[in-house]
Amino acid sequence: MNRIQMQKLREEIPEREKKSEMIFQIITESALYRNAETVFLYLSVGAEVSTGKLLEAVLRDGKRAAAPVPGRRGQMTFRQVRNPAEDLVTGKFGGIPEPRPTCPECIPDPNDLILVPGLLFDRRGFRIGYGAGYYDRYLAKLSDGCKPVGICFQGQLTERIDNKPWDIPVARIVTETGLRDCDAEEAPKTES
């Protein structure tokens, strides 16, 4: 299945708004959320799991919100969002909103919640993104103890993705059916 087919699969998932609301509830009721000082989240567009309400909750709950800013050579940073109306601008990649360059950069620590989008996830935590590798490069730089969480609809889960040596799995996945741990140790060793 190619990325266009994966996007179409996601677009055909019924009741995406209702399922996004369920995912929002699971996240905000979790210990991961309660214990986080900063929530690193993507700013959803199209048929992705909606994160708009989550961003509002993070700010209302007195936590820091951080959103991605893609940069040169496939690198990505996260910058703080204090006031979405003032801090967000239309990004250069597909019109996805992103924080202004003047917003402070945020570096995650092990207690922070890092939400990772994807087109498809497997039960081991490996994912297929949009193909530019931003999240894989970012996740590879995380300090020990940081446990990123994949976020998707249940219909975006599969048994196994053929992962590459540079693919970085998430530690957990949240869908409308709950929050589950992943086991990347089941991953086969691949040759470079």
N, C-alpha and C. Protein backbone atom coordinates (compact mmCIF):
# COMPACT_ATOMS: atom_id res chain seq x y z
N MET A 1 0.84 -1.17 0.00
CA MET A 1 0.00 0.00 0.00
C MET A 1 0.90 1.24 0.00
N ASN A 2 0.64 2.17 -0.92
CA ASN A 2 1.44 3.39 -0.97
C ASN A 2 0.80 4.49 -0.12
N ARG A 3 1.50 5.64 0.04
CA ARG A 3 1.01 6.71 0.92
C ARG A 3 -0.31 7.29 0.45
N ILE A 4 -0.54 7.37 -0.83
CA ILE A 4 -1.81 7.89 -1.34
C ILE A 4 -2.95 6.96 -0.93
N GLN A 5 -2.72 5.66 -1.02
CA GLN A 5 -3.73 4.69 -0.59
C GLN A 5 -3.96 4.77 0.92
N MET A 6 -2.88 5.00 1.67
CA MET A 6 -3.00 5.12 3.13
C MET A 6 -3.81 6.36 3.50
N GLN A 7 -3.57 7.46 2.78
CA GLN A 7 -4.35 8.68 3.04
C GLN A 7 -5.82 8.45 2.72
N LYS A 8 -6.08 7.76 1.63
CA LYS A 8 -7.46 7.47 1.25
C LYS A 8 -8.12 6.57 2.30
N LEU A 9 -7.39 5.59 2.80
CA LEU A 9 -7.90 4.72 3.84
C LEU A 9 -8.31 5.54 5.07
N ARG A 10 -7.46 6.48 5.46
CA ARG A 10 -7.76 7.32 6.62
C ARG A 10 -8.97 8.20 6.35
N GLU A 11 -9.06 8.75 5.14
CA GLU A 11 -10.19 9.61 4.78
C GLU A 11 -11.52 8.86 4.81
N GLU A 12 -11.47 7.55 4.60
CA GLU A 12 -12.69 6.74 4.56
C GLU A 12 -13.11 6.22 5.93
N ILE A 13 -12.33 6.50 6.96
CA ILE A 13 -12.68 6.06 8.31
C ILE A 13 -13.95 6.82 8.73
N PRO A 14 -15.00 6.09 9.10
CA PRO A 14 -16.25 6.77 9.47
C PRO A 14 -16.14 7.46 10.84
N GLU A 15 -16.93 8.49 11.01
CA GLU A 15 -17.07 9.19 12.29
C GLU A 15 -15.75 9.69 12.86
N ARG A 16 -14.94 10.30 12.01
CA ARG A 16 -13.62 10.78 12.46
C ARG A 16 -13.74 11.81 13.58
N GLU A 17 -14.72 12.71 13.51
CA GLU A 17 -14.87 13.72 14.56
C GLU A 17 -15.18 13.06 15.90
N LYS A 18 -16.10 12.12 15.91
CA LYS A 18 -16.46 11.41 17.14
C LYS A 18 -15.26 10.65 17.68
N LYS A 19 -14.53 9.99 16.80
CA LYS A 19 -13.36 9.21 17.23
C LYS A 19 -12.24 10.14 17.73
N SER A 20 -12.08 11.31 17.10
CA SER A 20 -11.10 12.29 17.58
C SER A 20 -11.45 12.73 18.99
N GLU A 21 -12.75 12.92 19.25
CA GLU A 21 -13.21 13.31 20.59
C GLU A 21 -12.89 12.21 21.60
N MET A 22 -13.08 10.95 21.21
CA MET A 22 -12.76 9.83 22.10
C MET A 22 -11.26 9.79 22.41
N ILE A 23 -10.44 10.02 21.40
CA ILE A 23 -8.99 10.04 21.58
C ILE A 23 -8.60 11.19 22.51
N PHE A 24 -9.22 12.35 22.31
CA PHE A 24 -8.98 13.50 23.18
C PHE A 24 -9.26 13.14 24.63
N GLN A 25 -10.38 12.47 24.89
CA GLN A 25 -10.75 12.08 26.26
C GLN A 25 -9.72 11.11 26.85
N ILE A 26 -9.30 10.14 26.06
CA ILE A 26 -8.32 9.15 26.54
C ILE A 26 -7.01 9.84 26.90
N ILE A 27 -6.57 10.75 26.04
CA ILE A 27 -5.31 11.45 26.30
C ILE A 27 -5.41 12.28 27.57
N THR A 28 -6.44 13.13 27.66
CA THR A 28 -6.51 14.07 28.78
C THR A 28 -6.81 13.39 30.12
N GLU A 29 -7.33 12.16 30.09
CA GLU A 29 -7.58 11.42 31.33
C GLU A 29 -6.39 10.52 31.71
N SER A 30 -5.36 10.51 30.89
CA SER A 30 -4.22 9.61 31.15
C SER A 30 -3.22 10.24 32.12
N ALA A 31 -2.48 9.37 32.81
CA ALA A 31 -1.39 9.82 33.67
C ALA A 31 -0.30 10.50 32.84
N LEU A 32 -0.10 10.05 31.61
CA LEU A 32 0.90 10.67 30.74
C LEU A 32 0.61 12.16 30.57
N TYR A 33 -0.66 12.48 30.37
CA TYR A 33 -1.06 13.88 30.21
C TYR A 33 -0.97 14.61 31.55
N ARG A 34 -1.53 14.02 32.59
CA ARG A 34 -1.55 14.68 33.90
C ARG A 34 -0.13 15.01 34.38
N ASN A 35 0.82 14.13 34.12
CA ASN A 35 2.19 14.32 34.61
C ASN A 35 3.05 15.19 33.70
N ALA A 36 2.59 15.49 32.52
CA ALA A 36 3.38 16.26 31.56
C ALA A 36 3.34 17.75 31.88
N GLU A 37 4.50 18.38 31.82
CA GLU A 37 4.54 19.84 31.91
C GLU A 37 4.33 20.44 30.53
N THR A 38 4.86 19.75 29.51
CA THR A 38 4.73 20.21 28.13
C THR A 38 4.12 19.09 27.30
N VAL A 39 3.20 19.46 26.41
CA VAL A 39 2.61 18.51 25.47
C VAL A 39 3.08 18.92 24.08
N PHE A 40 3.82 18.02 23.45
CA PHE A 40 4.32 18.22 22.09
C PHE A 40 3.28 17.62 21.16
N LEU A 41 2.60 18.45 20.38
CA LEU A 41 1.53 17.94 19.53
C LEU A 41 1.63 18.55 18.14
N TYR A 42 1.17 17.79 17.17
CA TYR A 42 1.10 18.30 15.81
C TYR A 42 -0.19 19.10 15.68
N LEU A 43 -0.24 19.99 14.71
CA LEU A 43 -1.44 20.77 14.45
C LEU A 43 -2.15 20.12 13.27
N SER A 44 -3.27 19.49 13.57
CA SER A 44 -3.94 18.62 12.60
C SER A 44 -4.51 19.38 11.41
N VAL A 45 -4.50 18.69 10.28
CA VAL A 45 -5.14 19.18 9.05
C VAL A 45 -5.83 17.98 8.38
N GLY A 46 -6.82 18.29 7.57
CA GLY A 46 -7.48 17.25 6.78
C GLY A 46 -8.09 16.16 7.63
N ALA A 47 -7.81 14.91 7.27
CA ALA A 47 -8.43 13.74 7.91
C ALA A 47 -7.62 13.20 9.10
N GLU A 48 -6.60 13.94 9.55
CA GLU A 48 -5.83 13.50 10.72
C GLU A 48 -6.70 13.52 11.96
N VAL A 49 -6.29 12.79 12.99
CA VAL A 49 -6.94 12.90 14.29
C VAL A 49 -6.84 14.37 14.71
N SER A 50 -7.97 14.97 15.02
CA SER A 50 -8.01 16.39 15.34
C SER A 50 -7.31 16.68 16.66
N THR A 51 -6.46 17.71 16.67
CA THR A 51 -5.75 18.10 17.88
C THR A 51 -6.14 19.50 18.35
N GLY A 52 -7.09 20.13 17.69
CA GLY A 52 -7.49 21.49 18.07
C GLY A 52 -8.00 21.59 19.49
N LYS A 53 -8.88 20.68 19.87
CA LYS A 53 -9.44 20.69 21.22
C LYS A 53 -8.36 20.35 22.25
N LEU A 54 -7.43 19.49 21.89
CA LEU A 54 -6.33 19.14 22.78
C LEU A 54 -5.45 20.36 23.04
N LEU A 55 -5.14 21.11 22.01
CA LEU A 55 -4.34 22.33 22.18
C LEU A 55 -5.04 23.27 23.15
N GLU A 56 -6.34 23.46 23.01
CA GLU A 56 -7.10 24.32 23.92
C GLU A 56 -7.01 23.80 25.36
N ALA A 57 -7.14 22.48 25.54
CA ALA A 57 -7.10 21.89 26.88
C ALA A 57 -5.72 22.07 27.51
N VAL A 58 -4.67 21.86 26.73
CA VAL A 58 -3.30 22.01 27.24
C VAL A 58 -3.12 23.42 27.80
N LEU A 59 -3.54 24.41 27.03
CA LEU A 59 -3.38 25.79 27.47
C LEU A 59 -4.27 26.10 28.67
N ARG A 60 -5.49 25.61 28.65
CA ARG A 60 -6.43 25.83 29.76
C ARG A 60 -5.93 25.17 31.05
N ASP A 61 -5.27 24.01 30.91
CA ASP A 61 -4.79 23.27 32.08
C ASP A 61 -3.44 23.79 32.60
N GLY A 62 -2.94 24.87 32.02
CA GLY A 62 -1.70 25.48 32.51
C GLY A 62 -0.44 24.75 32.10
N LYS A 63 -0.54 23.92 31.09
CA LYS A 63 0.64 23.21 30.57
C LYS A 63 1.22 24.01 29.40
N ARG A 64 2.44 23.69 29.04
CA ARG A 64 3.02 24.30 27.84
C ARG A 64 2.62 23.45 26.63
N ALA A 65 2.29 24.12 25.55
CA ALA A 65 2.00 23.45 24.28
C ALA A 65 3.16 23.74 23.33
N ALA A 66 3.61 22.71 22.64
CA ALA A 66 4.68 22.87 21.67
C ALA A 66 4.25 22.23 20.36
N ALA A 67 4.48 22.92 19.25
CA ALA A 67 4.08 22.44 17.93
C ALA A 67 5.29 22.42 17.01
N PRO A 68 5.27 21.53 16.01
CA PRO A 68 6.45 21.36 15.15
C PRO A 68 6.62 22.47 14.11
N VAL A 69 7.90 22.71 13.83
CA VAL A 69 8.29 23.62 12.75
C VAL A 69 9.32 22.87 11.90
N PRO A 70 8.92 22.43 10.69
CA PRO A 70 9.89 21.76 9.83
C PRO A 70 10.93 22.75 9.33
N GLY A 71 12.17 22.29 9.28
CA GLY A 71 13.25 23.17 8.84
C GLY A 71 14.01 22.61 7.66
N ARG A 72 15.21 23.10 7.51
CA ARG A 72 16.06 22.68 6.39
C ARG A 72 16.65 21.30 6.62
N ARG A 73 16.96 20.64 5.55
CA ARG A 73 17.61 19.32 5.56
C ARG A 73 16.86 18.31 6.43
N GLY A 74 15.54 18.39 6.43
CA GLY A 74 14.73 17.41 7.12
C GLY A 74 14.73 17.52 8.63
N GLN A 75 15.25 18.60 9.16
CA GLN A 75 15.28 18.78 10.61
C GLN A 75 13.99 19.45 11.07
N MET A 76 13.62 19.23 12.32
CA MET A 76 12.40 19.79 12.87
C MET A 76 12.66 20.23 14.30
N THR A 77 12.04 21.35 14.68
CA THR A 77 12.07 21.80 16.06
C THR A 77 10.62 21.94 16.52
N PHE A 78 10.44 22.07 17.82
CA PHE A 78 9.13 22.37 18.38
C PHE A 78 9.22 23.72 19.07
N ARG A 79 8.20 24.55 18.86
CA ARG A 79 8.17 25.87 19.47
C ARG A 79 6.88 26.02 20.29
N GLN A 80 6.98 26.79 21.34
CA GLN A 80 5.87 26.96 22.25
C GLN A 80 4.74 27.77 21.61
N VAL A 81 3.52 27.34 21.90
CA VAL A 81 2.32 28.06 21.48
C VAL A 81 1.62 28.51 22.75
N ARG A 82 1.56 29.82 22.97
CA ARG A 82 0.87 30.37 24.14
C ARG A 82 -0.52 30.84 23.78
N ASN A 83 -0.61 31.46 22.60
CA ASN A 83 -1.87 32.01 22.12
C ASN A 83 -1.98 31.66 20.63
N PRO A 84 -2.77 30.65 20.27
CA PRO A 84 -2.82 30.22 18.87
C PRO A 84 -3.12 31.34 17.88
N ALA A 85 -4.00 32.27 18.24
CA ALA A 85 -4.35 33.35 17.32
C ALA A 85 -3.16 34.24 17.00
N GLU A 86 -2.26 34.39 17.96
CA GLU A 86 -1.09 35.26 17.75
C GLU A 86 0.16 34.48 17.33
N ASP A 87 0.30 33.26 17.84
CA ASP A 87 1.55 32.52 17.66
C ASP A 87 1.63 31.68 16.39
N LEU A 88 0.50 31.34 15.80
CA LEU A 88 0.52 30.42 14.65
C LEU A 88 0.42 31.17 13.33
N VAL A 89 1.19 30.70 12.36
CA VAL A 89 1.16 31.24 11.00
C VAL A 89 1.03 30.08 10.04
N THR A 90 0.68 30.38 8.80
CA THR A 90 0.60 29.34 7.78
C THR A 90 2.01 28.89 7.43
N GLY A 91 2.26 27.61 7.56
CA GLY A 91 3.59 27.07 7.31
C GLY A 91 3.89 26.93 5.83
N LYS A 92 5.16 26.69 5.55
CA LYS A 92 5.60 26.57 4.16
C LYS A 92 5.39 25.17 3.58
N PHE A 93 5.02 24.20 4.44
CA PHE A 93 4.80 22.84 3.97
C PHE A 93 3.32 22.52 3.97
N GLY A 94 2.70 22.63 2.83
CA GLY A 94 1.30 22.26 2.68
C GLY A 94 0.33 23.14 3.43
N GLY A 95 0.76 24.33 3.83
CA GLY A 95 -0.13 25.23 4.54
C GLY A 95 -0.45 24.80 5.97
N ILE A 96 0.31 23.84 6.50
CA ILE A 96 0.09 23.38 7.88
C ILE A 96 0.49 24.51 8.83
N PRO A 97 -0.38 24.86 9.78
CA PRO A 97 -0.01 25.92 10.73
C PRO A 97 1.25 25.53 11.52
N GLU A 98 2.04 26.54 11.86
CA GLU A 98 3.22 26.32 12.68
C GLU A 98 3.49 27.57 13.50
N PRO A 99 4.19 27.41 14.63
CA PRO A 99 4.51 28.57 15.45
C PRO A 99 5.46 29.53 14.73
N ARG A 100 5.33 30.79 15.06
CA ARG A 100 6.24 31.81 14.52
C ARG A 100 7.68 31.51 14.96
N PRO A 101 8.66 31.96 14.18
CA PRO A 101 10.07 31.75 14.56
C PRO A 101 10.44 32.43 15.88
N THR A 102 9.66 33.42 16.31
CA THR A 102 9.96 34.12 17.56
C THR A 102 9.47 33.37 18.80
N CYS A 103 8.67 32.33 18.61
CA CYS A 103 8.20 31.54 19.75
C CYS A 103 9.36 30.73 20.32
N PRO A 104 9.43 30.60 21.64
CA PRO A 104 10.56 29.86 22.24
C PRO A 104 10.60 28.39 21.83
N GLU A 105 11.81 27.89 21.58
CA GLU A 105 11.97 26.47 21.26
C GLU A 105 11.78 25.65 22.53
N CYS A 106 11.15 24.48 22.39
CA CYS A 106 10.92 23.57 23.51
C CYS A 106 11.70 22.28 23.28
N ILE A 107 12.36 21.83 24.32
CA ILE A 107 13.11 20.57 24.30
C ILE A 107 12.40 19.62 25.27
N PRO A 108 12.00 18.42 24.82
CA PRO A 108 11.27 17.52 25.71
C PRO A 108 12.15 16.88 26.78
N ASP A 109 11.52 16.64 27.92
CA ASP A 109 12.19 15.82 28.94
C ASP A 109 11.33 14.56 29.13
N PRO A 110 11.83 13.58 29.87
CA PRO A 110 11.13 12.29 29.96
C PRO A 110 9.69 12.34 30.48
N ASN A 111 9.32 13.37 31.22
CA ASN A 111 7.95 13.46 31.72
C ASN A 111 6.98 14.12 30.75
N ASP A 112 7.48 14.67 29.66
CA ASP A 112 6.61 15.35 28.71
C ASP A 112 5.89 14.36 27.81
N LEU A 113 4.77 14.80 27.27
CA LEU A 113 3.98 13.98 26.35
C LEU A 113 4.29 14.41 24.93
N ILE A 114 4.77 13.48 24.12
CA ILE A 114 5.13 13.75 22.73
C ILE A 114 4.20 12.94 21.84
N LEU A 115 3.30 13.61 21.13
CA LEU A 115 2.34 12.95 20.25
C LEU A 115 2.86 12.95 18.82
N VAL A 116 2.83 11.79 18.19
CA VAL A 116 3.42 11.61 16.87
C VAL A 116 2.34 11.15 15.89
N PRO A 117 2.12 11.91 14.81
CA PRO A 117 1.13 11.50 13.81
C PRO A 117 1.71 10.46 12.85
N GLY A 118 0.84 9.86 12.06
CA GLY A 118 1.29 8.92 11.05
C GLY A 118 0.12 8.48 10.18
N LEU A 119 0.45 7.96 9.03
CA LEU A 119 -0.58 7.41 8.14
C LEU A 119 -0.95 5.99 8.54
N LEU A 120 0.03 5.27 9.08
CA LEU A 120 -0.18 3.87 9.46
C LEU A 120 0.80 3.54 10.58
N PHE A 121 0.35 2.78 11.56
CA PHE A 121 1.21 2.32 12.67
C PHE A 121 1.08 0.81 12.75
N ASP A 122 2.16 0.16 13.19
CA ASP A 122 2.00 -1.26 13.51
C ASP A 122 2.02 -1.43 15.02
N ARG A 123 1.71 -2.61 15.47
CA ARG A 123 1.55 -2.85 16.90
C ARG A 123 2.87 -2.80 17.66
N ARG A 124 3.99 -2.76 16.91
CA ARG A 124 5.31 -2.63 17.54
C ARG A 124 5.69 -1.17 17.74
N GLY A 125 4.90 -0.25 17.14
CA GLY A 125 5.18 1.18 17.28
C GLY A 125 5.83 1.81 16.07
N PHE A 126 6.14 1.02 15.05
CA PHE A 126 6.69 1.61 13.83
C PHE A 126 5.58 2.28 13.05
N ARG A 127 5.96 3.31 12.29
CA ARG A 127 4.95 4.10 11.59
C ARG A 127 5.39 4.43 10.18
N ILE A 128 4.40 4.76 9.40
CA ILE A 128 4.65 5.35 8.08
C ILE A 128 4.08 6.75 8.15
N GLY A 129 4.93 7.73 7.92
CA GLY A 129 4.51 9.13 7.93
C GLY A 129 4.28 9.61 6.52
N TYR A 130 4.55 10.87 6.31
CA TYR A 130 4.32 11.45 4.98
C TYR A 130 5.53 11.31 4.06
N GLY A 131 6.63 10.77 4.58
CA GLY A 131 7.75 10.43 3.70
C GLY A 131 8.96 11.34 3.77
N ALA A 132 8.89 12.44 4.53
CA ALA A 132 10.03 13.35 4.58
C ALA A 132 11.01 13.00 5.70
N GLY A 133 10.60 12.17 6.65
CA GLY A 133 11.50 11.73 7.71
C GLY A 133 11.68 12.70 8.87
N TYR A 134 10.88 13.76 8.94
CA TYR A 134 11.04 14.74 10.01
C TYR A 134 10.93 14.12 11.40
N TYR A 135 9.87 13.35 11.60
CA TYR A 135 9.67 12.77 12.94
C TYR A 135 10.72 11.73 13.27
N ASP A 136 11.14 10.90 12.32
CA ASP A 136 12.18 9.92 12.61
C ASP A 136 13.47 10.61 13.04
N ARG A 137 13.84 11.69 12.36
CA ARG A 137 15.06 12.42 12.74
C ARG A 137 14.90 13.06 14.12
N TYR A 138 13.71 13.61 14.38
CA TYR A 138 13.48 14.25 15.67
C TYR A 138 13.49 13.21 16.80
N LEU A 139 12.79 12.12 16.61
CA LEU A 139 12.71 11.09 17.65
C LEU A 139 14.07 10.47 17.93
N ALA A 140 14.92 10.38 16.92
CA ALA A 140 16.26 9.80 17.11
C ALA A 140 17.11 10.64 18.05
N LYS A 141 16.78 11.93 18.21
CA LYS A 141 17.57 12.82 19.05
C LYS A 141 17.03 12.93 20.47
N LEU A 142 15.90 12.31 20.76
CA LEU A 142 15.32 12.42 22.09
C LEU A 142 16.23 11.82 23.15
N SER A 143 16.20 12.42 24.32
CA SER A 143 17.00 11.87 25.42
C SER A 143 16.39 10.56 25.90
N ASP A 144 17.22 9.77 26.54
CA ASP A 144 16.74 8.51 27.10
C ASP A 144 15.59 8.79 28.05
N GLY A 145 14.62 7.94 28.03
CA GLY A 145 13.48 8.11 28.92
C GLY A 145 12.29 8.77 28.27
N CYS A 146 12.49 9.50 27.17
CA CYS A 146 11.35 10.09 26.46
C CYS A 146 10.61 8.97 25.74
N LYS A 147 9.30 8.93 25.92
CA LYS A 147 8.47 7.86 25.37
C LYS A 147 7.39 8.45 24.45
N PRO A 148 7.69 8.62 23.17
CA PRO A 148 6.70 9.20 22.27
C PRO A 148 5.47 8.31 22.11
N VAL A 149 4.34 8.96 21.85
CA VAL A 149 3.06 8.28 21.71
C VAL A 149 2.50 8.54 20.31
N GLY A 150 2.28 7.46 19.56
CA GLY A 150 1.63 7.58 18.26
C GLY A 150 0.15 7.86 18.45
N ILE A 151 -0.42 8.63 17.55
CA ILE A 151 -1.84 8.97 17.64
C ILE A 151 -2.47 8.73 16.28
N CYS A 152 -3.50 7.87 16.29
CA CYS A 152 -4.16 7.53 15.03
C CYS A 152 -5.53 6.92 15.32
N PHE A 153 -6.29 6.70 14.28
CA PHE A 153 -7.56 5.98 14.40
C PHE A 153 -7.25 4.49 14.39
N GLN A 154 -8.10 3.70 15.02
CA GLN A 154 -7.93 2.25 15.08
C GLN A 154 -7.77 1.66 13.67
N GLY A 155 -8.46 2.22 12.70
CA GLY A 155 -8.38 1.75 11.32
C GLY A 155 -7.04 1.99 10.66
N GLN A 156 -6.14 2.71 11.34
CA GLN A 156 -4.79 2.97 10.82
C GLN A 156 -3.75 2.05 11.44
N LEU A 157 -4.19 1.07 12.21
CA LEU A 157 -3.27 0.10 12.80
C LEU A 157 -3.18 -1.13 11.92
N THR A 158 -1.99 -1.68 11.83
CA THR A 158 -1.77 -2.92 11.09
C THR A 158 -0.84 -3.80 11.92
N GLU A 159 -0.76 -5.05 11.56
CA GLU A 159 0.09 -5.97 12.32
C GLU A 159 1.56 -5.62 12.21
N ARG A 160 2.04 -5.41 10.99
CA ARG A 160 3.48 -5.22 10.81
C ARG A 160 3.76 -4.33 9.61
N ILE A 161 4.67 -3.39 9.83
CA ILE A 161 5.19 -2.53 8.77
C ILE A 161 6.63 -2.96 8.54
N ASP A 162 7.06 -2.99 7.30
CA ASP A 162 8.46 -3.31 7.02
C ASP A 162 9.30 -2.08 7.39
N ASN A 163 9.86 -2.12 8.59
CA ASN A 163 10.63 -0.97 9.05
C ASN A 163 12.05 -0.99 8.51
N LYS A 164 12.60 0.19 8.42
CA LYS A 164 13.98 0.39 7.96
C LYS A 164 14.86 0.65 9.18
N PRO A 165 16.18 0.51 9.06
CA PRO A 165 17.07 0.71 10.21
C PRO A 165 16.95 2.10 10.84
N TRP A 166 16.58 3.10 10.07
CA TRP A 166 16.48 4.47 10.59
C TRP A 166 15.11 4.79 11.19
N ASP A 167 14.15 3.89 11.06
CA ASP A 167 12.82 4.13 11.61
C ASP A 167 12.86 4.05 13.14
N ILE A 168 12.23 4.99 13.78
CA ILE A 168 12.18 5.06 15.24
C ILE A 168 10.75 4.76 15.69
N PRO A 169 10.55 3.70 16.47
CA PRO A 169 9.19 3.38 16.91
C PRO A 169 8.73 4.28 18.06
N VAL A 170 7.42 4.42 18.18
CA VAL A 170 6.85 5.08 19.35
C VAL A 170 6.70 4.05 20.45
N ALA A 171 6.62 4.51 21.69
CA ALA A 171 6.51 3.59 22.84
C ALA A 171 5.08 3.14 23.07
N ARG A 172 4.13 4.00 22.70
CA ARG A 172 2.71 3.71 22.90
C ARG A 172 1.94 4.26 21.71
N ILE A 173 0.71 3.77 21.58
CA ILE A 173 -0.20 4.27 20.55
C ILE A 173 -1.55 4.53 21.21
N VAL A 174 -2.15 5.67 20.89
CA VAL A 174 -3.49 5.97 21.36
C VAL A 174 -4.43 6.01 20.15
N THR A 175 -5.54 5.29 20.28
CA THR A 175 -6.61 5.32 19.28
C THR A 175 -7.91 5.55 20.05
N GLU A 176 -9.01 5.55 19.35
CA GLU A 176 -10.30 5.72 20.00
C GLU A 176 -10.66 4.54 20.91
N THR A 177 -9.92 3.44 20.81
CA THR A 177 -10.21 2.28 21.67
C THR A 177 -9.33 2.23 22.91
N GLY A 178 -8.34 3.12 23.01
CA GLY A 178 -7.52 3.15 24.21
C GLY A 178 -6.06 3.45 23.94
N LEU A 179 -5.29 3.42 25.01
CA LEU A 179 -3.85 3.68 24.98
C LEU A 179 -3.16 2.34 25.20
N ARG A 180 -2.26 1.97 24.32
CA ARG A 180 -1.60 0.66 24.39
C ARG A 180 -0.09 0.82 24.31
N ASP A 181 0.62 -0.06 25.01
CA ASP A 181 2.07 -0.11 24.91
C ASP A 181 2.45 -0.85 23.63
N CYS A 182 3.60 -0.48 23.08
CA CYS A 182 4.13 -1.15 21.89
C CYS A 182 5.35 -1.97 22.30
N ASP A 183 5.70 -2.93 21.47
CA ASP A 183 6.85 -3.76 21.74
C ASP A 183 7.74 -3.81 20.51
N ALA A 184 8.63 -2.82 20.40
CA ALA A 184 9.54 -2.77 19.24
C ALA A 184 10.59 -3.86 19.31
N GLU A 185 10.72 -4.53 20.44
CA GLU A 185 11.69 -5.62 20.55
C GLU A 185 11.35 -6.76 19.60
N GLU A 186 10.08 -6.83 19.19
CA GLU A 186 9.69 -7.84 18.22
C GLU A 186 10.19 -7.50 16.83
N ALA A 187 10.75 -6.32 16.67
CA ALA A 187 11.17 -5.86 15.35
C ALA A 187 12.28 -6.75 14.79
N PRO A 188 12.15 -7.15 13.54
CA PRO A 188 13.23 -7.95 12.95
C PRO A 188 14.46 -7.08 12.70
N LYS A 189 15.61 -7.65 12.79
CA LYS A 189 16.84 -6.93 12.47
C LYS A 189 16.94 -6.81 10.96
N THR A 190 17.18 -5.59 10.49
CA THR A 190 17.27 -5.37 9.05
C THR A 190 18.71 -5.02 8.68
N GLU A 191 19.09 -5.39 7.51
CA GLU A 191 20.43 -5.08 7.01
C GLU A 191 20.40 -3.70 6.38
N SER A 192 21.49 -2.97 6.52
CA SER A 192 21.59 -1.63 5.92
C SER A 192 21.90 -1.72 4.45
